Amino acid sequence: MGNGEWQKQPIPPFPISNSSCAVMSDTDFTQKLHDLMQRVGISSFKALSRTADVSERQILRLRRFGVGQMRVDVLLKLSQALKLTLNELVAIFSQVELVIDKDTPTQELLHYVDQLKKEYERSQQQIQQQRQVLQQEFQQSSLQLLESLLLQFPTAAHKARENPQLPAVNIVPLVHKPLEKLLQHWGVEAIAAVGAEIPYNPQLHQLLEGNPQVGEIVKVRYTGYRQGDKLLYRAKVSPVLPGA
């Protein structure tokens, strides 16, 4: 499994054996599903979709056709949301009536379900591993952008402690440039520079004091940030006093 990639094995649909069942025609499971949802306090099919983390199309398929052609990973999620075991869910939403006789391959069916459960658990484990790899890659790329800060700032700070007369302006670029590079990489931009005097906009600015009207000139005390159309932090501003 290289570079955090893994091959997801297809999970087959729940098996229906013609030798051990009789097909029920024109079955609709909507009312059964609605009753089970009411029992666990789920108010709508959309809410069930969110709770179980499955698509509404899968829920529609369950309502119309039962479990016959549904993947077992979807059935497991639905059974957990409805507080049922997988076997209970299959029994309720089966398009077939099992014929209970000595020839029914019950052990084979249970073994098949057990194998599918194991396959689902393996898939979940692989997803978790992939998340960890992606997180490590993200951290590594961020560290590369901050490399100069990580390597140079501790030395500069040590020299500043040894020599209190060292101008702080010499240290600022060590912090500012890597941070600026990182924000640019993430598409984050400052609303306005600290010290800038700009028209007051309550959607972008947070007042530290005073009560200026929209459009009046204010001074930026702490910068704010946005990422594309999303506002992350409003800039903190204060009124510009007459004659200041």
C-alpha atoms as a PDB file:
ATOM      1  CA  MET A   1       0.000   0.000   0.000  1.00  0.00           C
ATOM      2  CA  GLY A   2       2.082   2.895  -1.311  1.00  0.00           C
ATOM      3  CA  ASN A   3       1.477   6.620  -0.869  1.00  0.00           C
ATOM      4  CA  GLY A   4      -1.573   6.022   1.289  1.00  0.00           C
ATOM      5  CA  GLU A   5      -3.494   4.279  -1.526  1.00  0.00           C
ATOM      6  CA  TRP A   6      -5.386   1.059  -1.157  1.00  0.00           C
ATOM      7  CA  GLN A   7      -7.478  -1.094  -3.428  1.00  0.00           C
ATOM      8  CA  LYS A   8     -11.030  -1.318  -2.123  1.00  0.00           C
ATOM      9  CA  GLN A   9     -12.386  -4.801  -2.737  1.00  0.00           C
ATOM     10  CA  PRO A  10     -15.948  -4.843  -4.108  1.00  0.00           C
ATOM     11  CA  ILE A  11     -18.461  -6.081  -1.572  1.00  0.00           C
ATOM     12  CA  PRO A  12     -21.014  -8.359  -3.241  1.00  0.00           C
ATOM     13  CA  PRO A  13     -24.753  -7.986  -2.723  1.00  0.00           C
ATOM     14  CA  PHE A  14     -26.540 -10.046  -0.145  1.00  0.00           C
ATOM     15  CA  PRO A  15     -27.043 -13.568  -1.547  1.00  0.00           C
ATOM     16  CA  ILE A  16     -30.467 -14.979  -2.379  1.00  0.00           C
ATOM     17  CA  SER A  17     -30.638 -18.738  -2.810  1.00  0.00           C
ATOM     18  CA  ASN A  18     -33.414 -19.970  -5.101  1.00  0.00           C
ATOM     19  CA  SER A  19     -33.241 -23.419  -3.534  1.00  0.00           C
ATOM     20  CA  SER A  20     -34.113 -22.174  -0.066  1.00  0.00           C
ATOM     21  CA  CYS A  21     -36.648 -19.405  -0.612  1.00  0.00           C
ATOM     22  CA  ALA A  22     -39.887 -18.407  -2.242  1.00  0.00           C
ATOM     23  CA  VAL A  23     -40.100 -14.976  -3.856  1.00  0.00           C
ATOM     24  CA  MET A  24     -42.655 -12.485  -2.567  1.00  0.00           C
ATOM     25  CA  SER A  25     -44.033 -10.322  -5.382  1.00  0.00           C
ATOM     26  CA  ASP A  26     -44.997  -6.645  -5.342  1.00  0.00           C
ATOM     27  CA  THR A  27     -43.455  -6.027  -1.922  1.00  0.00           C
ATOM     28  CA  ASP A  28     -42.937  -2.493  -0.655  1.00  0.00           C
ATOM     29  CA  PHE A  29     -40.945  -1.979   2.546  1.00  0.00           C
ATOM     30  CA  THR A  30     -41.608   1.731   3.082  1.00  0.00           C
ATOM     31  CA  GLN A  31     -44.045   1.263   5.965  1.00  0.00           C
ATOM     32  CA  LYS A  32     -41.766  -1.238   7.705  1.00  0.00           C
ATOM     33  CA  LEU A  33     -38.850   1.152   7.420  1.00  0.00           C
ATOM     34  CA  HIS A  34     -40.966   4.074   8.637  1.00  0.00           C
ATOM     35  CA  ASP A  35     -42.060   2.083  11.708  1.00  0.00           C
ATOM     36  CA  LEU A  36     -38.450   1.196  12.571  1.00  0.00           C
ATOM     37  CA  MET A  37     -37.372   4.826  12.142  1.00  0.00           C
ATOM     38  CA  GLN A  38     -40.118   6.014  14.506  1.00  0.00           C
ATOM     39  CA  ARG A  39     -38.955   3.490  17.094  1.00  0.00           C
ATOM     40  CA  VAL A  40     -35.458   5.046  17.204  1.00  0.00           C
ATOM     41  CA  GLY A  41     -36.574   8.670  16.787  1.00  0.00           C
ATOM     42  CA  ILE A  42     -35.526   9.247  13.159  1.00  0.00           C
ATOM     43  CA  SER A  43     -38.035  11.605  11.568  1.00  0.00           C
ATOM     44  CA  SER A  44     -37.355  11.338   7.823  1.00  0.00           C
ATOM     45  CA  PHE A  45     -35.538   9.339   5.178  1.00  0.00           C
ATOM     46  CA  LYS A  46     -33.130  12.246   4.770  1.00  0.00           C
ATOM     47  CA  ALA A  47     -32.374  12.095   8.501  1.00  0.00           C
ATOM     48  CA  LEU A  48     -31.798   8.345   8.218  1.00  0.00           C
ATOM     49  CA  SER A  49     -29.401   9.009   5.336  1.00  0.00           C
ATOM     50  CA  ARG A  50     -27.385  11.381   7.540  1.00  0.00           C
ATOM     51  CA  THR A  51     -27.474   9.145  10.614  1.00  0.00           C
ATOM     52  CA  ALA A  52     -26.405   5.994   8.761  1.00  0.00           C
ATOM     53  CA  ASP A  53     -24.046   7.814   6.386  1.00  0.00           C
ATOM     54  CA  VAL A  54     -25.578   6.216   3.310  1.00  0.00           C
ATOM     55  CA  SER A  55     -27.106   7.829   0.235  1.00  0.00           C
ATOM     56  CA  GLU A  56     -30.836   8.462  -0.095  1.00  0.00           C
ATOM     57  CA  ARG A  57     -30.698   6.344  -3.260  1.00  0.00           C
ATOM     58  CA  GLN A  58     -29.665   3.337  -1.145  1.00  0.00           C
ATOM     59  CA  ILE A  59     -32.578   3.963   1.215  1.00  0.00           C
ATOM     60  CA  LEU A  60     -34.972   4.169  -1.733  1.00  0.00           C
ATOM     61  CA  ARG A  61     -33.590   0.848  -2.990  1.00  0.00           C
ATOM     62  CA  LEU A  62     -34.198  -0.727   0.421  1.00  0.00           C
ATOM     63  CA  ARG A  63     -37.782   0.590   0.439  1.00  0.00           C
ATOM     64  CA  ARG A  64     -38.527  -0.750  -3.039  1.00  0.00           C
ATOM     65  CA  PHE A  65     -36.531  -3.946  -3.316  1.00  0.00           C
ATOM     66  CA  GLY A  66     -35.401  -4.941   0.176  1.00  0.00           C
ATOM     67  CA  VAL A  67     -31.932  -6.317   0.858  1.00  0.00           C
ATOM     68  CA  GLY A  68     -31.603  -8.512  -2.233  1.00  0.00           C
ATOM     69  CA  GLN A  69     -29.168  -6.366  -4.237  1.00  0.00           C
ATOM     70  CA  MET A  70     -27.703  -4.160  -1.493  1.00  0.00           C
ATOM     71  CA  ARG A  71     -24.086  -4.201  -0.357  1.00  0.00           C
ATOM     72  CA  VAL A  72     -23.460  -5.565   3.094  1.00  0.00           C
ATOM     73  CA  ASP A  73     -21.503  -2.466   4.191  1.00  0.00           C
ATOM     74  CA  VAL A  74     -24.632  -0.369   3.532  1.00  0.00           C
ATOM     75  CA  LEU A  75     -26.794  -2.887   5.381  1.00  0.00           C
ATOM     76  CA  LEU A  76     -24.443  -2.798   8.375  1.00  0.00           C
ATOM     77  CA  LYS A  77     -24.658   0.998   8.562  1.00  0.00           C
ATOM     78  CA  LEU A  78     -28.462   0.922   8.309  1.00  0.00           C
ATOM     79  CA  SER A  79     -28.754  -1.810  10.935  1.00  0.00           C
ATOM     80  CA  GLN A  80     -26.639   0.258  13.346  1.00  0.00           C
ATOM     81  CA  ALA A  81     -28.730   3.388  12.721  1.00  0.00           C
ATOM     82  CA  LEU A  82     -31.961   1.435  13.271  1.00  0.00           C
ATOM     83  CA  LYS A  83     -30.503  -0.406  16.311  1.00  0.00           C
ATOM     84  CA  LEU A  84     -30.938  -3.831  14.742  1.00  0.00           C
ATOM     85  CA  THR A  85     -28.568  -6.705  14.158  1.00  0.00           C
ATOM     86  CA  LEU A  86     -27.680  -7.417  10.555  1.00  0.00           C
ATOM     87  CA  ASN A  87     -29.654 -10.662  10.672  1.00  0.00           C
ATOM     88  CA  GLU A  88     -32.749  -8.839  11.995  1.00  0.00           C
ATOM     89  CA  LEU A  89     -32.518  -6.253   9.229  1.00  0.00           C
ATOM     90  CA  VAL A  90     -32.187  -8.968   6.574  1.00  0.00           C
ATOM     91  CA  ALA A  91     -35.167 -10.850   7.983  1.00  0.00           C
ATOM     92  CA  ILE A  92     -37.379  -7.725   7.981  1.00  0.00           C
ATOM     93  CA  PHE A  93     -36.424  -6.464   4.534  1.00  0.00           C
ATOM     94  CA  SER A  94     -36.051  -9.725   2.669  1.00  0.00           C
ATOM     95  CA  GLN A  95     -37.848 -10.162  -0.670  1.00  0.00           C
ATOM     96  CA  VAL A  96     -38.025 -13.857   0.060  1.00  0.00           C
ATOM     97  CA  GLU A  97     -39.629 -16.139   2.588  1.00  0.00           C
ATOM     98  CA  LEU A  98     -37.144 -18.727   3.797  1.00  0.00           C
ATOM     99  CA  VAL A  99     -38.368 -22.293   3.585  1.00  0.00           C
ATOM    100  CA  ILE A 100     -37.353 -23.924   6.812  1.00  0.00           C
ATOM    101  CA  ASP A 101     -36.369 -27.495   6.018  1.00  0.00           C
ATOM    102  CA  LYS A 102     -33.337 -29.701   6.435  1.00  0.00           C
ATOM    103  CA  ASP A 103     -31.964 -28.685   3.033  1.00  0.00           C
ATOM    104  CA  THR A 104     -31.799 -24.952   3.827  1.00  0.00           C
ATOM    105  CA  PRO A 105     -28.073 -23.968   3.782  1.00  0.00           C
ATOM    106  CA  THR A 106     -28.303 -21.953   7.024  1.00  0.00           C
ATOM    107  CA  GLN A 107     -24.683 -22.486   8.026  1.00  0.00           C
ATOM    108  CA  GLU A 108     -23.482 -21.449   4.568  1.00  0.00           C
ATOM    109  CA  LEU A 109     -25.505 -18.252   4.739  1.00  0.00           C
ATOM    110  CA  LEU A 110     -24.238 -17.393   8.216  1.00  0.00           C
ATOM    111  CA  HIS A 111     -20.666 -18.082   7.122  1.00  0.00           C
ATOM    112  CA  TYR A 112     -21.153 -15.796   4.105  1.00  0.00           C
ATOM    113  CA  VAL A 113     -22.492 -12.977   6.314  1.00  0.00           C
ATOM    114  CA  ASP A 114     -19.571 -13.447   8.704  1.00  0.00           C
ATOM    115  CA  GLN A 115     -17.088 -13.179   5.819  1.00  0.00           C
ATOM    116  CA  LEU A 116     -18.749  -9.998   4.587  1.00  0.00           C
ATOM    117  CA  LYS A 117     -18.585  -8.496   8.080  1.00  0.00           C
ATOM    118  CA  LYS A 118     -14.857  -9.211   8.182  1.00  0.00           C
ATOM    119  CA  GLU A 119     -14.387  -7.651   4.744  1.00  0.00           C
ATOM    120  CA  TYR A 120     -16.257  -4.534   5.888  1.00  0.00           C
ATOM    121  CA  GLU A 121     -14.099  -4.280   9.017  1.00  0.00           C
ATOM    122  CA  ARG A 122     -10.941  -4.622   6.901  1.00  0.00           C
ATOM    123  CA  SER A 123     -12.168  -1.855   4.609  1.00  0.00           C
ATOM    124  CA  GLN A 124     -12.837   0.416   7.604  1.00  0.00           C
ATOM    125  CA  GLN A 125      -9.341  -0.286   8.922  1.00  0.00           C
ATOM    126  CA  GLN A 126      -7.820   0.569   5.537  1.00  0.00           C
ATOM    127  CA  ILE A 127      -9.777   3.846   5.451  1.00  0.00           C
ATOM    128  CA  GLN A 128      -8.441   4.747   8.908  1.00  0.00           C
ATOM    129  CA  GLN A 129      -4.895   3.957   7.804  1.00  0.00           C
ATOM    130  CA  GLN A 130      -5.359   6.103   4.709  1.00  0.00           C
ATOM    131  CA  ARG A 131      -6.538   9.016   6.876  1.00  0.00           C
ATOM    132  CA  GLN A 132      -3.428   8.717   9.017  1.00  0.00           C
ATOM    133  CA  VAL A 133      -1.180   8.714   5.938  1.00  0.00           C
ATOM    134  CA  LEU A 134      -2.944  11.779   4.514  1.00  0.00           C
ATOM    135  CA  GLN A 135      -2.581  13.579   7.847  1.00  0.00           C
ATOM    136  CA  GLN A 136       1.133  12.775   7.923  1.00  0.00           C
ATOM    137  CA  GLU A 137       1.531  14.045   4.338  1.00  0.00           C
ATOM    138  CA  PHE A 138      -0.289  17.264   5.250  1.00  0.00           C
ATOM    139  CA  GLN A 139       1.921  17.783   8.289  1.00  0.00           C
ATOM    140  CA  GLN A 140       5.032  17.096   6.204  1.00  0.00           C
ATOM    141  CA  SER A 141       4.063  19.627   3.515  1.00  0.00           C
ATOM    142  CA  SER A 142       3.325  22.242   6.213  1.00  0.00           C
ATOM    143  CA  LEU A 143       6.677  21.600   7.879  1.00  0.00           C
ATOM    144  CA  GLN A 144       8.431  22.114   4.541  1.00  0.00           C
ATOM    145  CA  LEU A 145       6.756  25.506   4.153  1.00  0.00           C
ATOM    146  CA  LEU A 146       7.787  26.463   7.695  1.00  0.00           C
ATOM    147  CA  GLU A 147      11.301  25.029   7.372  1.00  0.00           C
ATOM    148  CA  SER A 148      13.187  28.322   7.607  1.00  0.00           C
ATOM    149  CA  LEU A 149      11.160  29.357  10.666  1.00  0.00           C
ATOM    150  CA  LEU A 150      11.743  26.037  12.404  1.00  0.00           C
ATOM    151  CA  LEU A 151      15.481  26.043  11.717  1.00  0.00           C
ATOM    152  CA  GLN A 152      16.404  29.697  12.096  1.00  0.00           C
ATOM    153  CA  PHE A 153      14.017  31.199  14.645  1.00  0.00           C
ATOM    154  CA  PRO A 154      15.273  29.269  17.728  1.00  0.00           C
ATOM    155  CA  THR A 155      18.838  30.473  17.002  1.00  0.00           C
ATOM    156  CA  ALA A 156      17.679  34.055  16.459  1.00  0.00           C
ATOM    157  CA  ALA A 157      15.643  33.966  19.680  1.00  0.00           C
ATOM    158  CA  HIS A 158      18.660  32.647  21.574  1.00  0.00           C
ATOM    159  CA  LYS A 159      20.836  35.461  20.237  1.00  0.00           C
ATOM    160  CA  ALA A 160      18.171  37.995  21.197  1.00  0.00           C
ATOM    161  CA  ARG A 161      18.203  36.692  24.785  1.00  0.00           C
ATOM    162  CA  GLU A 162      21.978  36.919  24.879  1.00  0.00           C
ATOM    163  CA  ASN A 163      21.946  40.438  23.423  1.00  0.00           C
ATOM    164  CA  PRO A 164      18.861  42.425  24.500  1.00  0.00           C
ATOM    165  CA  GLN A 165      20.050  45.323  22.303  1.00  0.00           C
ATOM    166  CA  LEU A 166      19.601  43.264  19.129  1.00  0.00           C
ATOM    167  CA  PRO A 167      16.948  45.030  16.995  1.00  0.00           C
ATOM    168  CA  ALA A 168      13.726  43.021  16.854  1.00  0.00           C
ATOM    169  CA  VAL A 169      13.279  44.073  13.242  1.00  0.00           C
ATOM    170  CA  ASN A 170      15.980  41.552  12.298  1.00  0.00           C
ATOM    171  CA  ILE A 171      13.922  38.698  13.729  1.00  0.00           C
ATOM    172  CA  VAL A 172      10.541  39.631  12.259  1.00  0.00           C
ATOM    173  CA  PRO A 173      11.298  38.351   8.707  1.00  0.00           C
ATOM    174  CA  LEU A 174      12.155  34.922  10.117  1.00  0.00           C
ATOM    175  CA  VAL A 175       8.584  34.618  11.356  1.00  0.00           C
ATOM    176  CA  HIS A 176       6.720  36.662   8.779  1.00  0.00           C
ATOM    177  CA  LYS A 177       8.036  35.161   5.543  1.00  0.00           C
ATOM    178  CA  PRO A 178       7.360  31.455   6.317  1.00  0.00           C
ATOM    179  CA  LEU A 179       3.938  32.325   7.720  1.00  0.00           C
ATOM    180  CA  GLU A 180       3.120  34.400   4.647  1.00  0.00           C
ATOM    181  CA  LYS A 181       4.245  31.549   2.397  1.00  0.00           C
ATOM    182  CA  LEU A 182       2.102  29.021   4.282  1.00  0.00           C
ATOM    183  CA  LEU A 183      -1.014  31.225   4.153  1.00  0.00           C
ATOM    184  CA  GLN A 184      -0.479  31.849   0.439  1.00  0.00           C
ATOM    185  CA  HIS A 185      -0.190  28.095  -0.130  1.00  0.00           C
ATOM    186  CA  TRP A 186      -3.531  27.562   1.624  1.00  0.00           C
ATOM    187  CA  GLY A 187      -5.226  30.426  -0.238  1.00  0.00           C
ATOM    188  CA  VAL A 188      -5.595  32.516   2.926  1.00  0.00           C
ATOM    189  CA  GLU A 189      -5.281  36.284   2.537  1.00  0.00           C
ATOM    190  CA  ALA A 190      -5.245  39.170   5.022  1.00  0.00           C
ATOM    191  CA  ILE A 191      -8.215  41.537   4.978  1.00  0.00           C
ATOM    192  CA  ALA A 192      -5.915  44.526   5.540  1.00  0.00           C
ATOM    193  CA  ALA A 193      -2.460  45.203   6.931  1.00  0.00           C
ATOM    194  CA  VAL A 194      -2.006  46.285  10.535  1.00  0.00           C
ATOM    195  CA  GLY A 195      -1.910  50.086  10.665  1.00  0.00           C
ATOM    196  CA  ALA A 196      -3.913  50.543   7.469  1.00  0.00           C
ATOM    197  CA  GLU A 197      -6.705  53.142   7.544  1.00  0.00           C
ATOM    198  CA  ILE A 198      -9.732  51.884   5.654  1.00  0.00           C
ATOM    199  CA  PRO A 199     -13.520  52.463   5.451  1.00  0.00           C
ATOM    200  CA  TYR A 200     -15.413  50.672   8.209  1.00  0.00           C
ATOM    201  CA  ASN A 201     -17.268  47.540   7.069  1.00  0.00           C
ATOM    202  CA  PRO A 202     -19.023  45.667   9.914  1.00  0.00           C
ATOM    203  CA  GLN A 203     -19.039  42.460   7.856  1.00  0.00           C
ATOM    204  CA  LEU A 204     -15.228  42.413   7.760  1.00  0.00           C
ATOM    205  CA  HIS A 205     -14.280  44.437  10.833  1.00  0.00           C
ATOM    206  CA  GLN A 206     -14.685  43.981  14.594  1.00  0.00           C
ATOM    207  CA  LEU A 207     -14.673  47.163  16.667  1.00  0.00           C
ATOM    208  CA  LEU A 208     -12.308  47.393  19.621  1.00  0.00           C
ATOM    209  CA  GLU A 209     -13.796  50.720  20.706  1.00  0.00           C
ATOM    210  CA  GLY A 210     -16.007  53.574  19.506  1.00  0.00           C
ATOM    211  CA  ASN A 211     -19.085  53.456  17.303  1.00  0.00           C
ATOM    212  CA  PRO A 212     -18.209  54.572  13.768  1.00  0.00           C
ATOM    213  CA  GLN A 213     -20.722  54.585  10.958  1.00  0.00           C
ATOM    214  CA  VAL A 214     -20.354  52.348   7.935  1.00  0.00           C
ATOM    215  CA  GLY A 215     -17.822  53.909   5.556  1.00  0.00           C
ATOM    216  CA  GLU A 216     -16.062  56.028   8.191  1.00  0.00           C
ATOM    217  CA  ILE A 217     -12.298  55.616   8.329  1.00  0.00           C
ATOM    218  CA  VAL A 218     -10.970  53.163  10.923  1.00  0.00           C
ATOM    219  CA  LYS A 219      -7.488  51.877  11.701  1.00  0.00           C
ATOM    220  CA  VAL A 220      -6.584  48.189  11.640  1.00  0.00           C
ATOM    221  CA  ARG A 221      -5.116  47.075  14.973  1.00  0.00           C
ATOM    222  CA  TYR A 222      -5.168  43.292  14.366  1.00  0.00           C
ATOM    223  CA  THR A 223      -5.430  41.855  10.895  1.00  0.00           C
ATOM    224  CA  GLY A 224      -8.208  39.479   9.844  1.00  0.00           C
ATOM    225  CA  TYR A 225      -8.206  36.670   7.281  1.00  0.00           C
ATOM    226  CA  ARG A 226     -10.406  35.136   4.626  1.00  0.00           C
ATOM    227  CA  GLN A 227     -10.037  32.062   2.457  1.00  0.00           C
ATOM    228  CA  GLY A 228     -11.716  32.598  -0.877  1.00  0.00           C
ATOM    229  CA  ASP A 229     -15.305  33.625  -0.125  1.00  0.00           C
ATOM    230  CA  LYS A 230     -15.118  32.327   3.468  1.00  0.00           C
ATOM    231  CA  LEU A 231     -14.395  34.791   6.269  1.00  0.00           C
ATOM    232  CA  LEU A 232     -12.061  33.226   8.825  1.00  0.00           C
ATOM    233  CA  TYR A 233     -11.432  36.139  11.223  1.00  0.00           C
ATOM    234  CA  ARG A 234     -12.649  39.727  11.153  1.00  0.00           C
ATOM    235  CA  ALA A 235      -9.989  42.433  11.375  1.00  0.00           C
ATOM    236  CA  LYS A 236     -10.037  44.296  14.702  1.00  0.00           C
ATOM    237  CA  VAL A 237     -10.275  48.035  14.179  1.00  0.00           C
ATOM    238  CA  SER A 238     -10.739  51.297  16.061  1.00  0.00           C
ATOM    239  CA  PRO A 239     -11.899  54.760  14.897  1.00  0.00           C
ATOM    240  CA  VAL A 240      -9.388  57.258  13.611  1.00  0.00           C
ATOM    241  CA  LEU A 241      -9.595  60.289  15.902  1.00  0.00           C
ATOM    242  CA  PRO A 242      -9.827  63.733  14.262  1.00  0.00           C
ATOM    243  CA  GLY A 243      -6.383  65.279  13.881  1.00  0.00           C
ATOM    244  CA  ALA A 244      -4.638  62.004  14.767  1.00  0.00           C
END
